[in-house]
Amino acid sequence: MSSEVGQNSEFQNVIEGVLTKKSLIKIVDTRSQDQLRNKGFGDKEDNDYLLETYEALYLLYLNKLVITNGSIDNFGSLLKHVLKHDEEIVTRFLVYRDLRSRGYVVKEGFGFGADFRVYERGEYEKKRAKYVVFCINEGINVKVGELSKNVREIETMGKNAIAAVVERRGEVIYYKLTNMNFKENKKQETTLTLKERK
């Protein structure tokens, strides 16, 4: 049995949501809110319980979410709608889906240019997030100086900085960002060493 099928069976009922103007998904039913909260999906903001777009896409992908307003009725239509405002959503979704399928709870990043906070299996709401994940498309240039500064600050907080690189075929490869060596060569270029994390 695949991990995604296991994730799919965790939900007893299909959850109903409403698309907001900010492309977040609002969950009205309190039983659904509790079920989502227990699995590490969504957050309460003011009086609303909201799913991030990548969370909603994942639940649509698993056929565990139905959006009851507007013309958004499946994964493809929500993705098309969100792409108008967020060009990085596909990359973030692919990394989110991969991490969730491996059993991790994934929440929104908290600064440093990070995309996600990732909790070790079984530690959500018991301990702080262990990993901070940066989502990167293969072949995209990254400003190394800024990334290096962010990684140092993340390590100071006792967390591991991870680069999740999405290959052209959609496969996600993880690199632990530590022991970053920056050397100037004759061409005044900066190099970055990544260690693959399995």
Protein backbone atom coordinates (compact mmCIF):
# COMPACT_ATOMS: atom_id res chain seq x y z
CA MET A 1 0.00 0.00 0.00
CA SER A 2 1.45 3.42 -0.94
CA SER A 3 1.87 6.22 1.57
CA GLU A 4 -0.64 8.38 -0.31
CA VAL A 5 -3.29 5.70 -0.05
CA GLY A 6 -2.54 5.55 3.69
CA GLN A 7 -2.95 9.32 3.93
CA ASN A 8 -6.17 9.10 1.94
CA SER A 9 -7.70 6.57 4.35
CA GLU A 10 -7.01 8.84 7.35
CA PHE A 11 -10.01 10.99 6.46
CA GLN A 12 -13.41 9.57 7.31
CA ASN A 13 -15.47 11.99 5.22
CA VAL A 14 -14.98 14.29 2.27
CA ILE A 15 -14.42 17.80 3.59
CA GLU A 16 -16.33 20.76 2.21
CA GLY A 17 -14.58 24.09 1.76
CA VAL A 18 -15.27 27.54 0.35
CA LEU A 19 -12.78 29.42 -1.83
CA THR A 20 -11.91 32.85 -0.41
CA LYS A 21 -10.79 35.94 -2.31
CA LYS A 22 -7.18 35.23 -1.24
CA SER A 23 -7.38 31.73 -2.81
CA LEU A 24 -7.38 30.10 0.61
CA ILE A 25 -10.00 27.49 1.46
CA LYS A 26 -12.31 28.20 4.40
CA ILE A 27 -13.67 25.21 6.32
CA VAL A 28 -16.96 25.91 8.09
CA ASP A 29 -17.90 22.54 9.61
CA THR A 30 -16.36 22.21 13.11
CA ARG A 31 -15.99 18.40 12.88
CA SER A 32 -14.04 18.82 9.66
CA GLN A 33 -11.91 21.52 11.31
CA ASP A 34 -11.08 19.16 14.18
CA GLN A 35 -10.24 16.35 11.81
CA LEU A 36 -7.95 18.61 9.76
CA ARG A 37 -6.29 20.10 12.86
CA ASN A 38 -5.52 16.62 14.22
CA LYS A 39 -3.78 15.73 10.95
CA GLY A 40 -1.81 19.00 10.80
CA PHE A 41 -3.81 20.68 8.01
CA GLY A 42 -4.88 24.32 8.13
CA ASP A 43 -4.87 26.98 10.83
CA LYS A 44 -7.35 29.15 12.65
CA GLU A 45 -7.17 32.84 11.68
CA ASP A 46 -9.47 35.15 13.57
CA ASN A 47 -12.79 33.26 13.50
CA ASP A 48 -12.06 31.29 10.32
CA TYR A 49 -10.38 27.93 9.80
CA LEU A 50 -8.31 28.15 6.61
CA LEU A 51 -6.33 25.79 4.43
CA GLU A 52 -3.33 27.08 2.50
CA THR A 53 -3.64 26.60 -1.25
CA TYR A 54 -1.08 23.78 -1.40
CA GLU A 55 -2.98 21.97 1.41
CA ALA A 56 -6.24 22.31 -0.53
CA LEU A 57 -4.57 21.07 -3.72
CA TYR A 58 -3.23 18.05 -1.84
CA LEU A 59 -6.65 17.20 -0.40
CA LEU A 60 -8.24 17.65 -3.84
CA TYR A 61 -5.53 15.39 -5.28
CA LEU A 62 -6.58 12.74 -2.71
CA ASN A 63 -10.30 13.36 -3.50
CA LYS A 64 -10.89 14.34 0.13
CA LEU A 65 -11.97 17.96 -0.43
CA VAL A 66 -14.88 19.50 -2.32
CA ILE A 67 -15.05 23.24 -2.95
CA THR A 68 -18.69 24.28 -2.82
CA ASN A 69 -18.60 27.78 -4.33
CA GLY A 70 -17.70 29.12 -7.75
CA SER A 71 -16.43 27.11 -10.70
CA ILE A 72 -13.60 25.38 -8.83
CA ASP A 73 -14.64 21.75 -8.77
CA ASN A 74 -11.40 19.74 -9.02
CA PHE A 75 -7.63 19.78 -8.66
CA GLY A 76 -7.03 21.14 -12.17
CA SER A 77 -9.46 24.03 -11.89
CA LEU A 78 -8.01 25.18 -8.52
CA LEU A 79 -4.47 24.91 -9.87
CA LYS A 80 -5.38 26.96 -12.96
CA HIS A 81 -7.05 29.59 -10.76
CA VAL A 82 -4.07 29.88 -8.37
CA LEU A 83 -1.42 29.96 -11.11
CA LYS A 84 -2.74 33.40 -12.13
CA HIS A 85 -1.49 34.78 -8.79
CA ASP A 86 1.26 32.38 -7.68
CA GLU A 87 3.78 31.11 -10.24
CA GLU A 88 5.53 28.96 -7.61
CA ILE A 89 2.46 26.96 -6.55
CA VAL A 90 3.32 23.88 -8.63
CA THR A 91 6.78 23.63 -7.05
CA ARG A 92 5.38 24.15 -3.56
CA PHE A 93 2.61 21.59 -4.18
CA LEU A 94 5.04 18.94 -5.45
CA VAL A 95 7.29 19.34 -2.40
CA TYR A 96 4.30 19.46 -0.03
CA ARG A 97 2.80 16.30 -1.58
CA ASP A 98 6.12 14.47 -1.39
CA LEU A 99 6.69 15.38 2.28
CA ARG A 100 3.10 14.52 3.25
CA SER A 101 3.31 11.18 1.45
CA ARG A 102 6.39 10.41 3.57
CA GLY A 103 4.38 11.02 6.75
CA TYR A 104 5.61 14.50 7.71
CA VAL A 105 3.39 17.34 8.92
CA VAL A 106 4.17 20.43 6.84
CA LYS A 107 3.26 24.00 7.78
CA GLU A 108 3.87 27.43 6.23
CA GLY A 109 7.43 28.78 6.56
CA PHE A 110 8.13 31.48 9.11
CA GLY A 111 10.58 33.77 7.37
CA PHE A 112 14.13 33.53 6.04
CA GLY A 113 12.63 32.99 2.59
CA ALA A 114 11.66 29.45 3.64
CA ASP A 115 8.61 27.80 2.14
CA PHE A 116 7.82 25.23 4.86
CA ARG A 117 8.38 24.16 8.44
CA VAL A 118 8.47 20.38 8.66
CA TYR A 119 7.81 18.37 11.80
CA GLU A 120 9.44 15.02 12.46
CA ARG A 121 6.97 12.12 12.26
CA GLY A 122 4.78 11.99 15.38
CA GLU A 123 6.11 15.27 16.80
CA TYR A 124 3.56 17.78 15.49
CA GLU A 125 2.15 19.82 18.40
CA LYS A 126 4.61 18.06 20.75
CA LYS A 127 7.88 19.61 19.59
CA ARG A 128 8.97 22.44 17.35
CA ALA A 129 9.54 21.91 13.65
CA LYS A 130 12.85 20.16 13.02
CA TYR A 131 13.35 21.22 9.40
CA VAL A 132 13.02 24.43 7.41
CA VAL A 133 12.53 23.72 3.71
CA PHE A 134 13.33 25.91 0.72
CA CYS A 135 11.54 24.83 -2.49
CA ILE A 136 13.71 25.27 -5.58
CA ASN A 137 13.16 24.35 -9.22
CA GLU A 138 16.04 22.60 -10.96
CA GLY A 139 18.05 25.07 -13.03
CA ILE A 140 16.93 28.19 -11.12
CA ASN A 141 19.64 30.54 -9.86
CA VAL A 142 19.70 31.14 -6.11
CA LYS A 143 21.40 34.10 -4.38
CA VAL A 144 23.98 32.26 -2.33
CA GLY A 145 24.90 35.09 0.06
CA GLU A 146 21.32 35.59 1.22
CA LEU A 147 20.74 31.83 1.49
CA SER A 148 23.94 31.41 3.52
CA LYS A 149 22.84 34.06 6.00
CA ASN A 150 19.41 32.44 6.35
CA VAL A 151 20.94 28.99 6.87
CA ARG A 152 23.21 30.30 9.65
CA GLU A 153 20.21 31.83 11.43
CA ILE A 154 18.17 28.64 11.01
CA GLU A 155 21.01 26.53 12.44
CA THR A 156 21.29 28.95 15.39
CA MET A 157 17.65 28.13 16.15
CA GLY A 158 18.52 24.40 16.27
CA LYS A 159 16.77 23.52 13.02
CA ASN A 160 18.02 21.87 9.84
CA ALA A 161 17.85 23.83 6.61
CA ILE A 162 16.84 21.70 3.63
CA ALA A 163 16.74 22.53 -0.07
CA ALA A 164 13.96 20.60 -1.82
CA VAL A 165 14.92 20.63 -5.49
CA VAL A 166 12.17 19.74 -7.95
CA GLU A 167 13.59 18.11 -11.06
CA ARG A 168 12.09 18.69 -14.49
CA ARG A 169 10.22 15.35 -14.24
CA GLY A 170 8.62 16.42 -10.94
CA GLU A 171 10.79 14.25 -8.67
CA VAL A 172 11.90 15.94 -5.43
CA ILE A 173 15.47 15.58 -4.17
CA TYR A 174 16.44 16.91 -0.72
CA TYR A 175 19.75 18.50 0.18
CA LYS A 176 20.77 19.39 3.71
CA LEU A 177 22.23 22.90 3.70
CA THR A 178 25.19 22.74 6.09
CA ASN A 179 28.91 23.28 5.98
CA MET A 180 28.43 25.79 3.22
CA ASN A 181 31.80 26.71 1.78
CA PHE A 182 32.03 29.96 -0.10
CA LYS A 183 35.22 30.53 -2.01
CA GLU A 184 36.12 33.16 -4.52
CA ASN A 185 37.77 31.82 -7.62
CA LYS A 186 39.61 33.74 -10.30
CA LYS A 187 36.35 34.56 -12.09
CA GLN A 188 34.83 36.07 -8.91
CA GLU A 189 32.09 33.43 -8.81
CA THR A 190 30.60 32.00 -5.67
CA THR A 191 30.07 28.27 -5.28
CA LEU A 192 27.66 26.39 -3.06
CA THR A 193 28.13 22.82 -1.87
CA LEU A 194 24.97 20.78 -1.25
CA LYS A 195 24.85 17.41 0.48
CA GLU A 196 22.06 15.09 -0.59
CA ARG A 197 19.76 14.03 2.25
CA LYS A 198 17.96 10.71 1.83
